[in-house]
Amino acid sequence: MTSAAAEAVLMLTYHGETVAVAESLTGGLVAAELTEVPGASKAFLGSVTAYATEIKHRILGVDEQLLAERGAVDAQVAEQMARGVREALRADWGIATTGVAGPEPQDGQPVGTVYVAVVGGATDGEDASEGGKVRALRLNGTRAEIRMESVRSVLALLVEALLDAKGTEQTGQRQGNERTQDTERNGGI
């Protein structure tokens, strides 16, 4: 288990939020990493291993034309996979991996080309389609090393997104408290 997996589960659990995973090149390794964390069932809803391009479209709702034009190894595909699994499993957060672990290039992309994505963090009244992050990776190593680094990277991106979302909430709360205190100091004006 990675420290990012443990940290993500802890943060999600603390805030009463959930995550769902869409995986391609990692083939279930992200889900396995999350479920290694004791108590993960409070935050982890499930996963879709969309190894075949057709599954990315049919199950996760990735745009068929996008897949035809760019292939499955693409930043926009990763984001749509994350959105699709989030919606399908009704999670607060969706994360996704897509890329080329090797040994051969795929869709015109060299081995080690990986995209990881996180979608979520919409607060009440906010459009749930907002809040996505995608990271492009250029990894070296064996097939197993590329896959494991992809797992670490998507979980680190989730932790980063959770921190950003919670930091934004805390900043908003702090600003609200400062305005209240300032209003009180100025006679309620």
N, C-alpha and C. Protein backbone atom coordinates (compact mmCIF):
# COMPACT_ATOMS: atom_id res chain seq x y z
N MET A 1 0.85 -1.18 0.00
CA MET A 1 0.00 0.00 0.00
C MET A 1 0.89 1.24 0.00
N THR A 2 0.53 2.22 -0.81
CA THR A 2 1.28 3.48 -0.85
C THR A 2 0.75 4.43 0.21
N SER A 3 1.60 5.37 0.60
CA SER A 3 1.14 6.37 1.57
C SER A 3 0.05 7.24 0.96
N ALA A 4 0.09 7.45 -0.37
CA ALA A 4 -0.95 8.24 -1.02
C ALA A 4 -2.31 7.55 -0.92
N ALA A 5 -2.33 6.23 -1.03
CA ALA A 5 -3.59 5.49 -0.90
C ALA A 5 -4.16 5.67 0.50
N ALA A 6 -3.30 5.50 1.50
CA ALA A 6 -3.74 5.66 2.89
C ALA A 6 -4.21 7.08 3.15
N GLU A 7 -3.47 8.05 2.65
CA GLU A 7 -3.83 9.45 2.86
C GLU A 7 -5.16 9.78 2.17
N ALA A 8 -5.34 9.28 0.95
CA ALA A 8 -6.59 9.52 0.22
C ALA A 8 -7.79 8.93 0.96
N VAL A 9 -7.66 7.69 1.40
CA VAL A 9 -8.76 7.04 2.13
C VAL A 9 -9.06 7.80 3.41
N LEU A 10 -8.03 8.21 4.13
CA LEU A 10 -8.21 8.96 5.37
C LEU A 10 -8.95 10.28 5.11
N MET A 11 -8.51 11.02 4.10
CA MET A 11 -9.14 12.31 3.79
C MET A 11 -10.58 12.13 3.33
N LEU A 12 -10.81 11.16 2.45
CA LEU A 12 -12.17 10.91 1.96
C LEU A 12 -13.09 10.52 3.11
N THR A 13 -12.62 9.63 3.96
CA THR A 13 -13.41 9.16 5.10
C THR A 13 -13.73 10.31 6.04
N TYR A 14 -12.73 11.11 6.35
CA TYR A 14 -12.91 12.25 7.26
C TYR A 14 -13.99 13.21 6.75
N HIS A 15 -14.03 13.42 5.43
CA HIS A 15 -14.98 14.36 4.85
C HIS A 15 -16.28 13.68 4.39
N GLY A 16 -16.38 12.38 4.64
CA GLY A 16 -17.60 11.66 4.27
C GLY A 16 -17.80 11.57 2.76
N GLU A 17 -16.70 11.49 2.02
CA GLU A 17 -16.78 11.45 0.56
C GLU A 17 -16.35 10.08 0.03
N THR A 18 -16.67 9.86 -1.24
CA THR A 18 -16.38 8.57 -1.87
C THR A 18 -15.60 8.75 -3.16
N VAL A 19 -14.96 7.66 -3.59
CA VAL A 19 -14.20 7.67 -4.84
C VAL A 19 -14.52 6.40 -5.63
N ALA A 20 -14.49 6.54 -6.96
CA ALA A 20 -14.63 5.42 -7.88
C ALA A 20 -13.46 5.51 -8.87
N VAL A 21 -13.05 4.35 -9.38
CA VAL A 21 -11.84 4.28 -10.21
C VAL A 21 -12.15 3.70 -11.58
N ALA A 22 -11.61 4.34 -12.64
CA ALA A 22 -11.64 3.80 -14.00
C ALA A 22 -10.20 3.55 -14.40
N GLU A 23 -9.90 2.30 -14.77
CA GLU A 23 -8.52 1.94 -15.08
C GLU A 23 -8.41 1.31 -16.45
N SER A 24 -7.34 1.64 -17.13
CA SER A 24 -7.01 0.97 -18.37
C SER A 24 -5.68 0.25 -18.17
N LEU A 25 -4.56 0.94 -18.40
CA LEU A 25 -3.27 0.25 -18.35
C LEU A 25 -2.95 -0.34 -16.98
N THR A 26 -3.53 0.18 -15.91
CA THR A 26 -3.24 -0.33 -14.57
C THR A 26 -4.06 -1.57 -14.23
N GLY A 27 -5.06 -1.89 -15.01
CA GLY A 27 -5.79 -3.15 -14.93
C GLY A 27 -6.27 -3.57 -13.56
N GLY A 28 -6.67 -2.64 -12.72
CA GLY A 28 -7.19 -2.98 -11.39
C GLY A 28 -6.21 -2.72 -10.26
N LEU A 29 -5.00 -2.28 -10.57
CA LEU A 29 -3.99 -2.04 -9.53
C LEU A 29 -4.35 -0.86 -8.62
N VAL A 30 -5.01 0.16 -9.17
CA VAL A 30 -5.40 1.31 -8.34
C VAL A 30 -6.44 0.86 -7.31
N ALA A 31 -7.43 0.11 -7.77
CA ALA A 31 -8.46 -0.40 -6.86
C ALA A 31 -7.83 -1.30 -5.81
N ALA A 32 -6.89 -2.15 -6.22
CA ALA A 32 -6.21 -3.03 -5.27
C ALA A 32 -5.43 -2.22 -4.23
N GLU A 33 -4.79 -1.17 -4.67
CA GLU A 33 -4.01 -0.33 -3.75
C GLU A 33 -4.92 0.34 -2.73
N LEU A 34 -6.05 0.85 -3.18
CA LEU A 34 -7.00 1.49 -2.26
C LEU A 34 -7.58 0.49 -1.27
N THR A 35 -7.91 -0.70 -1.75
CA THR A 35 -8.54 -1.68 -0.86
C THR A 35 -7.55 -2.33 0.10
N GLU A 36 -6.27 -2.09 -0.07
CA GLU A 36 -5.27 -2.54 0.90
C GLU A 36 -5.34 -1.72 2.19
N VAL A 37 -5.93 -0.53 2.10
CA VAL A 37 -6.01 0.37 3.24
C VAL A 37 -7.14 -0.09 4.16
N PRO A 38 -6.87 -0.35 5.43
CA PRO A 38 -7.94 -0.72 6.37
C PRO A 38 -9.01 0.38 6.42
N GLY A 39 -10.25 0.00 6.32
CA GLY A 39 -11.34 0.97 6.37
C GLY A 39 -11.68 1.59 5.03
N ALA A 40 -11.07 1.10 3.95
CA ALA A 40 -11.30 1.68 2.63
C ALA A 40 -12.76 1.59 2.20
N SER A 41 -13.49 0.62 2.74
CA SER A 41 -14.89 0.44 2.34
C SER A 41 -15.75 1.66 2.67
N LYS A 42 -15.27 2.52 3.56
CA LYS A 42 -16.02 3.73 3.89
C LYS A 42 -15.92 4.79 2.79
N ALA A 43 -14.89 4.67 1.94
CA ALA A 43 -14.65 5.70 0.93
C ALA A 43 -14.62 5.16 -0.51
N PHE A 44 -14.20 3.92 -0.69
CA PHE A 44 -14.03 3.36 -2.03
C PHE A 44 -15.30 2.61 -2.45
N LEU A 45 -15.93 3.07 -3.55
CA LEU A 45 -17.17 2.45 -4.00
C LEU A 45 -16.95 1.29 -4.95
N GLY A 46 -15.96 1.40 -5.83
CA GLY A 46 -15.72 0.35 -6.81
C GLY A 46 -14.94 0.87 -7.99
N SER A 47 -14.80 -0.01 -8.99
CA SER A 47 -14.00 0.37 -10.15
C SER A 47 -14.51 -0.29 -11.42
N VAL A 48 -14.07 0.28 -12.54
CA VAL A 48 -14.31 -0.29 -13.86
C VAL A 48 -12.94 -0.43 -14.51
N THR A 49 -12.56 -1.65 -14.86
CA THR A 49 -11.33 -1.86 -15.60
C THR A 49 -11.71 -1.87 -17.07
N ALA A 50 -11.52 -0.72 -17.70
CA ALA A 50 -11.91 -0.53 -19.10
C ALA A 50 -10.67 -0.69 -19.97
N TYR A 51 -10.20 -1.91 -20.07
CA TYR A 51 -8.98 -2.19 -20.82
C TYR A 51 -9.21 -2.03 -22.32
N ALA A 52 -10.35 -2.48 -22.79
CA ALA A 52 -10.69 -2.36 -24.21
C ALA A 52 -11.27 -0.98 -24.49
N THR A 53 -10.91 -0.42 -25.64
CA THR A 53 -11.39 0.90 -26.03
C THR A 53 -12.91 0.94 -26.07
N GLU A 54 -13.54 -0.09 -26.57
CA GLU A 54 -15.00 -0.16 -26.65
C GLU A 54 -15.65 0.03 -25.27
N ILE A 55 -15.05 -0.51 -24.23
CA ILE A 55 -15.60 -0.40 -22.87
C ILE A 55 -15.49 1.04 -22.37
N LYS A 56 -14.44 1.72 -22.77
CA LYS A 56 -14.30 3.13 -22.39
C LYS A 56 -15.50 3.93 -22.89
N HIS A 57 -15.94 3.61 -24.10
CA HIS A 57 -17.11 4.30 -24.66
C HIS A 57 -18.41 3.76 -24.08
N ARG A 58 -18.60 2.46 -24.15
CA ARG A 58 -19.90 1.86 -23.81
C ARG A 58 -20.23 1.97 -22.32
N ILE A 59 -19.27 1.75 -21.45
CA ILE A 59 -19.54 1.74 -20.01
C ILE A 59 -19.25 3.09 -19.36
N LEU A 60 -18.16 3.74 -19.78
CA LEU A 60 -17.76 4.99 -19.14
C LEU A 60 -18.22 6.24 -19.88
N GLY A 61 -18.77 6.07 -21.07
CA GLY A 61 -19.31 7.21 -21.80
C GLY A 61 -18.28 8.10 -22.47
N VAL A 62 -17.07 7.59 -22.69
CA VAL A 62 -16.07 8.39 -23.40
C VAL A 62 -16.55 8.59 -24.83
N ASP A 63 -16.42 9.80 -25.33
CA ASP A 63 -16.89 10.18 -26.65
C ASP A 63 -16.28 9.27 -27.73
N GLU A 64 -17.15 8.63 -28.50
CA GLU A 64 -16.72 7.68 -29.53
C GLU A 64 -15.86 8.35 -30.61
N GLN A 65 -16.22 9.56 -30.99
CA GLN A 65 -15.46 10.28 -32.01
C GLN A 65 -14.06 10.65 -31.49
N LEU A 66 -13.98 11.04 -30.22
CA LEU A 66 -12.69 11.34 -29.60
C LEU A 66 -11.79 10.11 -29.64
N LEU A 67 -12.34 8.96 -29.28
CA LEU A 67 -11.58 7.72 -29.30
C LEU A 67 -11.12 7.38 -30.72
N ALA A 68 -11.98 7.60 -31.71
CA ALA A 68 -11.65 7.30 -33.10
C ALA A 68 -10.55 8.23 -33.62
N GLU A 69 -10.61 9.49 -33.21
CA GLU A 69 -9.65 10.48 -33.71
C GLU A 69 -8.30 10.43 -32.99
N ARG A 70 -8.33 10.27 -31.66
CA ARG A 70 -7.10 10.37 -30.87
C ARG A 70 -6.62 9.06 -30.28
N GLY A 71 -7.50 8.07 -30.23
CA GLY A 71 -7.15 6.82 -29.57
C GLY A 71 -7.42 6.91 -28.08
N ALA A 72 -7.16 5.82 -27.39
CA ALA A 72 -7.48 5.73 -25.96
C ALA A 72 -6.45 6.40 -25.07
N VAL A 73 -5.27 6.69 -25.61
CA VAL A 73 -4.20 7.28 -24.80
C VAL A 73 -4.19 8.78 -25.05
N ASP A 74 -4.97 9.50 -24.24
CA ASP A 74 -5.20 10.92 -24.48
C ASP A 74 -5.68 11.57 -23.19
N ALA A 75 -5.32 12.81 -22.99
CA ALA A 75 -5.70 13.54 -21.77
C ALA A 75 -7.22 13.66 -21.64
N GLN A 76 -7.88 14.00 -22.73
CA GLN A 76 -9.34 14.17 -22.69
C GLN A 76 -10.04 12.84 -22.42
N VAL A 77 -9.49 11.76 -22.95
CA VAL A 77 -10.05 10.43 -22.69
C VAL A 77 -9.95 10.12 -21.20
N ALA A 78 -8.79 10.41 -20.60
CA ALA A 78 -8.60 10.15 -19.17
C ALA A 78 -9.62 10.93 -18.35
N GLU A 79 -9.83 12.19 -18.69
CA GLU A 79 -10.80 13.00 -17.94
C GLU A 79 -12.22 12.46 -18.11
N GLN A 80 -12.58 12.08 -19.33
CA GLN A 80 -13.91 11.54 -19.56
C GLN A 80 -14.11 10.19 -18.85
N MET A 81 -13.05 9.40 -18.75
CA MET A 81 -13.13 8.14 -18.00
C MET A 81 -13.42 8.43 -16.53
N ALA A 82 -12.72 9.43 -15.97
CA ALA A 82 -12.92 9.78 -14.56
C ALA A 82 -14.34 10.30 -14.33
N ARG A 83 -14.82 11.13 -15.24
CA ARG A 83 -16.20 11.64 -15.13
C ARG A 83 -17.21 10.50 -15.25
N GLY A 84 -16.95 9.61 -16.20
CA GLY A 84 -17.87 8.50 -16.45
C GLY A 84 -18.00 7.56 -15.26
N VAL A 85 -16.87 7.20 -14.65
CA VAL A 85 -16.94 6.28 -13.51
C VAL A 85 -17.54 6.99 -12.29
N ARG A 86 -17.26 8.26 -12.15
CA ARG A 86 -17.86 9.03 -11.05
C ARG A 86 -19.37 9.02 -11.17
N GLU A 87 -19.85 9.25 -12.39
CA GLU A 87 -21.30 9.27 -12.61
C GLU A 87 -21.90 7.87 -12.48
N ALA A 88 -21.26 6.88 -13.10
CA ALA A 88 -21.80 5.52 -13.09
C ALA A 88 -21.91 4.95 -11.68
N LEU A 89 -20.93 5.23 -10.84
CA LEU A 89 -20.93 4.68 -9.48
C LEU A 89 -21.44 5.69 -8.44
N ARG A 90 -21.82 6.89 -8.92
CA ARG A 90 -22.37 7.95 -8.07
C ARG A 90 -21.43 8.28 -6.91
N ALA A 91 -20.19 8.51 -7.26
CA ALA A 91 -19.16 8.85 -6.28
C ALA A 91 -18.94 10.36 -6.26
N ASP A 92 -18.35 10.83 -5.18
CA ASP A 92 -17.98 12.24 -5.10
C ASP A 92 -16.78 12.54 -5.99
N TRP A 93 -15.90 11.57 -6.13
CA TRP A 93 -14.67 11.72 -6.90
C TRP A 93 -14.53 10.55 -7.87
N GLY A 94 -14.02 10.82 -9.05
CA GLY A 94 -13.68 9.78 -10.01
C GLY A 94 -12.23 9.95 -10.40
N ILE A 95 -11.49 8.85 -10.48
CA ILE A 95 -10.10 8.92 -10.92
C ILE A 95 -9.91 7.91 -12.05
N ALA A 96 -8.93 8.19 -12.94
CA ALA A 96 -8.74 7.32 -14.10
C ALA A 96 -7.28 7.27 -14.53
N THR A 97 -6.93 6.12 -15.15
CA THR A 97 -5.62 5.93 -15.75
C THR A 97 -5.80 5.40 -17.17
N THR A 98 -5.01 5.93 -18.09
CA THR A 98 -4.94 5.39 -19.44
C THR A 98 -3.54 5.65 -19.97
N GLY A 99 -3.00 4.71 -20.73
CA GLY A 99 -1.65 4.90 -21.23
C GLY A 99 -1.09 3.65 -21.87
N VAL A 100 0.22 3.70 -22.11
CA VAL A 100 0.93 2.62 -22.78
C VAL A 100 2.01 2.09 -21.85
N ALA A 101 1.80 0.88 -21.34
CA ALA A 101 2.79 0.25 -20.45
C ALA A 101 3.81 -0.57 -21.25
N GLY A 102 3.49 -0.87 -22.49
CA GLY A 102 4.42 -1.63 -23.32
C GLY A 102 4.03 -3.08 -23.42
N PRO A 103 4.74 -3.84 -24.14
CA PRO A 103 6.06 -3.54 -24.69
C PRO A 103 6.04 -2.75 -26.00
N GLU A 104 4.88 -2.63 -26.66
CA GLU A 104 4.80 -1.95 -27.96
C GLU A 104 4.06 -0.62 -27.82
N PRO A 105 4.35 0.36 -28.72
CA PRO A 105 3.56 1.59 -28.76
C PRO A 105 2.08 1.27 -29.05
N GLN A 106 1.21 2.21 -28.71
CA GLN A 106 -0.23 2.04 -28.95
C GLN A 106 -0.82 3.36 -29.40
N ASP A 107 -1.71 3.31 -30.36
CA ASP A 107 -2.39 4.50 -30.87
C ASP A 107 -1.40 5.61 -31.22
N GLY A 108 -0.24 5.23 -31.74
CA GLY A 108 0.77 6.22 -32.12
C GLY A 108 1.51 6.83 -30.94
N GLN A 109 1.28 6.31 -29.75
CA GLN A 109 1.93 6.84 -28.54
C GLN A 109 3.05 5.90 -28.11
N PRO A 110 4.19 6.45 -27.71
CA PRO A 110 5.30 5.60 -27.27
C PRO A 110 5.04 4.99 -25.90
N VAL A 111 5.73 3.89 -25.63
CA VAL A 111 5.68 3.25 -24.31
C VAL A 111 6.05 4.27 -23.25
N GLY A 112 5.30 4.28 -22.17
CA GLY A 112 5.56 5.21 -21.07
C GLY A 112 4.71 6.47 -21.11
N THR A 113 3.88 6.62 -22.15
CA THR A 113 2.95 7.75 -22.24
C THR A 113 1.71 7.38 -21.42
N VAL A 114 1.44 8.17 -20.39
CA VAL A 114 0.34 7.87 -19.48
C VAL A 114 -0.40 9.17 -19.14
N TYR A 115 -1.70 9.06 -18.99
CA TYR A 115 -2.53 10.17 -18.52
C TYR A 115 -3.30 9.70 -17.30
N VAL A 116 -3.27 10.49 -16.25
CA VAL A 116 -4.06 10.22 -15.05
C VAL A 116 -4.98 11.40 -14.83
N ALA A 117 -6.17 11.12 -14.32
CA ALA A 117 -7.17 12.18 -14.16
C ALA A 117 -7.94 12.01 -12.86
N VAL A 118 -8.37 13.15 -12.34
CA VAL A 118 -9.22 13.21 -11.15
C VAL A 118 -10.34 14.20 -11.44
N VAL A 119 -11.56 13.81 -11.13
CA VAL A 119 -12.71 14.69 -11.30
C VAL A 119 -13.52 14.64 -10.02
N GLY A 120 -13.91 15.79 -9.53
CA GLY A 120 -14.76 15.84 -8.34
C GLY A 120 -14.55 17.11 -7.56
N GLY A 121 -15.08 17.08 -6.36
CA GLY A 121 -14.88 18.21 -5.47
C GLY A 121 -15.89 19.32 -5.61
N ALA A 122 -16.95 19.11 -6.40
CA ALA A 122 -17.97 20.15 -6.52
C ALA A 122 -18.68 20.29 -5.18
N THR A 123 -18.85 21.52 -4.76
CA THR A 123 -19.57 21.78 -3.52
C THR A 123 -21.05 22.00 -3.82
N ASP A 124 -21.86 22.08 -2.81
CA ASP A 124 -23.30 22.27 -3.00
C ASP A 124 -23.55 23.46 -3.90
N GLY A 125 -24.41 23.26 -4.88
CA GLY A 125 -24.78 24.33 -5.81
C GLY A 125 -23.80 24.49 -6.95
N GLU A 126 -22.68 23.81 -6.90
CA GLU A 126 -21.67 23.92 -7.95
C GLU A 126 -21.94 22.85 -8.99
N ASP A 127 -21.62 23.13 -10.24
CA ASP A 127 -21.81 22.16 -11.32
C ASP A 127 -20.86 20.98 -11.10
N ALA A 128 -21.42 19.79 -10.99
CA ALA A 128 -20.62 18.60 -10.71
C ALA A 128 -19.70 18.24 -11.86
N SER A 129 -19.88 18.83 -13.04
CA SER A 129 -19.01 18.53 -14.17
C SER A 129 -17.70 19.31 -14.09
N GLU A 130 -17.61 20.24 -13.18
CA GLU A 130 -16.39 21.02 -13.02
C GLU A 130 -15.42 20.30 -12.09
N GLY A 131 -14.22 20.83 -11.98
CA GLY A 131 -13.29 20.31 -10.99
C GLY A 131 -12.41 19.18 -11.45
N GLY A 132 -12.02 19.13 -12.75
CA GLY A 132 -11.17 18.05 -13.24
C GLY A 132 -9.71 18.45 -13.33
N LYS A 133 -8.83 17.46 -13.09
CA LYS A 133 -7.39 17.64 -13.25
C LYS A 133 -6.86 16.46 -14.04
N VAL A 134 -6.01 16.74 -15.01
CA VAL A 134 -5.37 15.69 -15.78
C VAL A 134 -3.87 15.95 -15.76
N ARG A 135 -3.11 14.89 -15.60
CA ARG A 135 -1.65 15.00 -15.62
C ARG A 135 -1.10 14.05 -16.67
N ALA A 136 -0.25 14.59 -17.54
CA ALA A 136 0.45 13.79 -18.54
C ALA A 136 1.77 13.31 -17.95
N LEU A 137 2.06 12.03 -18.13
CA LEU A 137 3.29 11.45 -17.61
C LEU A 137 4.09 10.85 -18.76
N ARG A 138 5.40 10.94 -18.66
CA ARG A 138 6.30 10.26 -19.59
C ARG A 138 7.20 9.39 -18.73
N LEU A 139 6.88 8.11 -18.64
CA LEU A 139 7.54 7.22 -17.70
C LEU A 139 8.52 6.29 -18.42
N ASN A 140 9.56 5.92 -17.69
CA ASN A 140 10.54 4.95 -18.17
C ASN A 140 10.49 3.73 -17.28
N GLY A 141 11.00 2.64 -17.81
CA GLY A 141 11.09 1.43 -17.01
C GLY A 141 10.39 0.26 -17.67
N THR A 142 10.28 -0.81 -16.90
CA THR A 142 9.60 -2.00 -17.40
C THR A 142 8.09 -1.76 -17.39
N ARG A 143 7.38 -2.69 -17.99
CA ARG A 143 5.91 -2.63 -17.99
C ARG A 143 5.38 -2.54 -16.56
N ALA A 144 5.89 -3.37 -15.67
CA ALA A 144 5.45 -3.37 -14.28
C ALA A 144 5.77 -2.04 -13.60
N GLU A 145 6.94 -1.49 -13.86
CA GLU A 145 7.32 -0.20 -13.25
C GLU A 145 6.44 0.93 -13.75
N ILE A 146 6.14 0.94 -15.04
CA ILE A 146 5.26 1.98 -15.60
C ILE A 146 3.86 1.89 -14.99
N ARG A 147 3.36 0.68 -14.85
CA ARG A 147 2.03 0.51 -14.27
C ARG A 147 2.01 0.96 -12.81
N MET A 148 3.01 0.59 -12.03
CA MET A 148 3.04 0.97 -10.60
C MET A 148 3.23 2.47 -10.43
N GLU A 149 4.04 3.08 -11.27
CA GLU A 149 4.21 4.54 -11.19
C GLU A 149 2.92 5.24 -11.57
N SER A 150 2.16 4.67 -12.49
CA SER A 150 0.85 5.23 -12.86
C SER A 150 -0.10 5.19 -11.66
N VAL A 151 -0.07 4.09 -10.91
CA VAL A 151 -0.89 3.96 -9.70
C VAL A 151 -0.50 5.04 -8.70
N ARG A 152 0.78 5.15 -8.44
CA ARG A 152 1.25 6.17 -7.48
C ARG A 152 0.85 7.57 -7.93
N SER A 153 0.98 7.82 -9.22
CA SER A 153 0.70 9.16 -9.75
C SER A 153 -0.77 9.54 -9.66
N VAL A 154 -1.69 8.61 -9.98
CA VAL A 154 -3.10 8.95 -9.91
C VAL A 154 -3.55 9.13 -8.46
N LEU A 155 -3.00 8.34 -7.54
CA LEU A 155 -3.35 8.51 -6.13
C LEU A 155 -2.78 9.81 -5.57
N ALA A 156 -1.57 10.18 -5.99
CA ALA A 156 -1.00 11.46 -5.58
C ALA A 156 -1.83 12.63 -6.12
N LEU A 157 -2.31 12.49 -7.36
CA LEU A 157 -3.16 13.53 -7.95
C LEU A 157 -4.48 13.64 -7.19
N LEU A 158 -5.03 12.51 -6.76
CA LEU A 158 -6.25 12.53 -5.95
C LEU A 158 -6.01 13.27 -4.63
N VAL A 159 -4.92 12.95 -3.96
CA VAL A 159 -4.60 13.64 -2.69
C VAL A 159 -4.44 15.14 -2.94
N GLU A 160 -3.75 15.49 -4.00
CA GLU A 160 -3.57 16.91 -4.35
C GLU A 160 -4.92 17.59 -4.58
N ALA A 161 -5.81 16.93 -5.33
CA ALA A 161 -7.13 17.50 -5.60
C ALA A 161 -7.95 17.63 -4.32
N LEU A 162 -7.87 16.62 -3.45
CA LEU A 162 -8.57 16.69 -2.17
C LEU A 162 -8.05 17.84 -1.32
N LEU A 163 -6.75 18.01 -1.28
CA LEU A 163 -6.16 19.12 -0.52
C LEU A 163 -6.60 20.46 -1.10
N ASP A 164 -6.58 20.57 -2.43
CA ASP A 164 -7.02 21.80 -3.09
C ASP A 164 -8.48 22.11 -2.75
N ALA A 165 -9.33 21.10 -2.84
CA ALA A 165 -10.76 21.28 -2.57
C ALA A 165 -10.99 21.67 -1.13
N LYS A 166 -10.33 21.00 -0.22
CA LYS A 166 -10.53 21.28 1.21
C LYS A 166 -9.87 22.60 1.58
N GLY A 167 -8.76 22.92 0.93
CA GLY A 167 -8.10 24.22 1.18
C GLY A 167 -8.98 25.37 0.74
N THR A 168 -9.66 25.18 -0.40
CA THR A 168 -10.57 26.20 -0.91
C THR A 168 -11.73 26.40 0.05
N GLU A 169 -12.28 25.28 0.56
CA GLU A 169 -13.38 25.38 1.52
C GLU A 169 -12.93 26.09 2.78
N GLN A 170 -11.73 25.73 3.28
CA GLN A 170 -11.23 26.34 4.50
C GLN A 170 -10.92 27.82 4.29
N THR A 171 -10.36 28.18 3.10
CA THR A 171 -10.08 29.58 2.80
C THR A 171 -11.38 30.36 2.78
N GLY A 172 -12.42 29.81 2.15
CA GLY A 172 -13.72 30.47 2.11
C GLY A 172 -14.30 30.65 3.50
N GLN A 173 -14.16 29.63 4.36
CA GLN A 173 -14.65 29.73 5.73
C GLN A 173 -13.87 30.79 6.49
N ARG A 174 -12.54 30.80 6.29
CA ARG A 174 -11.69 31.78 6.98
C ARG A 174 -12.07 33.19 6.56
N GLN A 175 -12.26 33.40 5.23
CA GLN A 175 -12.63 34.72 4.74
C GLN A 175 -13.98 35.14 5.30
N GLY A 176 -14.92 34.21 5.38
CA GLY A 176 -16.23 34.52 5.94
C GLY A 176 -16.11 34.92 7.40
N ASN A 177 -15.28 34.21 8.17
CA ASN A 177 -15.07 34.55 9.57
C ASN A 177 -14.40 35.90 9.72
N GLU A 178 -13.43 36.20 8.83
CA GLU A 178 -12.77 37.51 8.90
C GLU A 178 -13.74 38.63 8.61
N ARG A 179 -14.64 38.44 7.63
CA ARG A 179 -15.64 39.47 7.32
C ARG A 179 -16.58 39.67 8.51
N THR A 180 -16.98 38.57 9.17
CA THR A 180 -17.85 38.67 10.32
C THR A 180 -17.17 39.46 11.43
N GLN A 181 -15.91 39.15 11.71
CA GLN A 181 -15.18 39.85 12.76
C GLN A 181 -15.01 41.32 12.41
N ASP A 182 -14.72 41.62 11.12
CA ASP A 182 -14.55 43.00 10.69
C ASP A 182 -15.86 43.76 10.84
N THR A 183 -16.99 43.12 10.49
CA THR A 183 -18.30 43.74 10.62
C THR A 183 -18.59 44.05 12.09
N GLU A 184 -18.26 43.12 12.97
CA GLU A 184 -18.48 43.33 14.41
C GLU A 184 -17.63 44.48 14.92
N ARG A 185 -16.39 44.57 14.47
CA ARG A 185 -15.50 45.66 14.91
C ARG A 185 -15.99 47.02 14.42
N ASN A 186 -16.65 47.05 13.27
CA ASN A 186 -17.09 48.30 12.70
C ASN A 186 -18.56 48.61 12.99
N GLY A 187 -19.03 48.09 14.08
CA GLY A 187 -20.37 48.43 14.54
C GLY A 187 -21.48 47.78 13.74
N GLY A 188 -21.22 46.64 13.14
CA GLY A 188 -22.28 45.92 12.44
C GLY A 188 -22.58 46.45 11.06
N ILE A 189 -21.72 47.31 10.54
CA ILE A 189 -21.97 47.88 9.21
C ILE A 189 -21.55 46.91 8.13
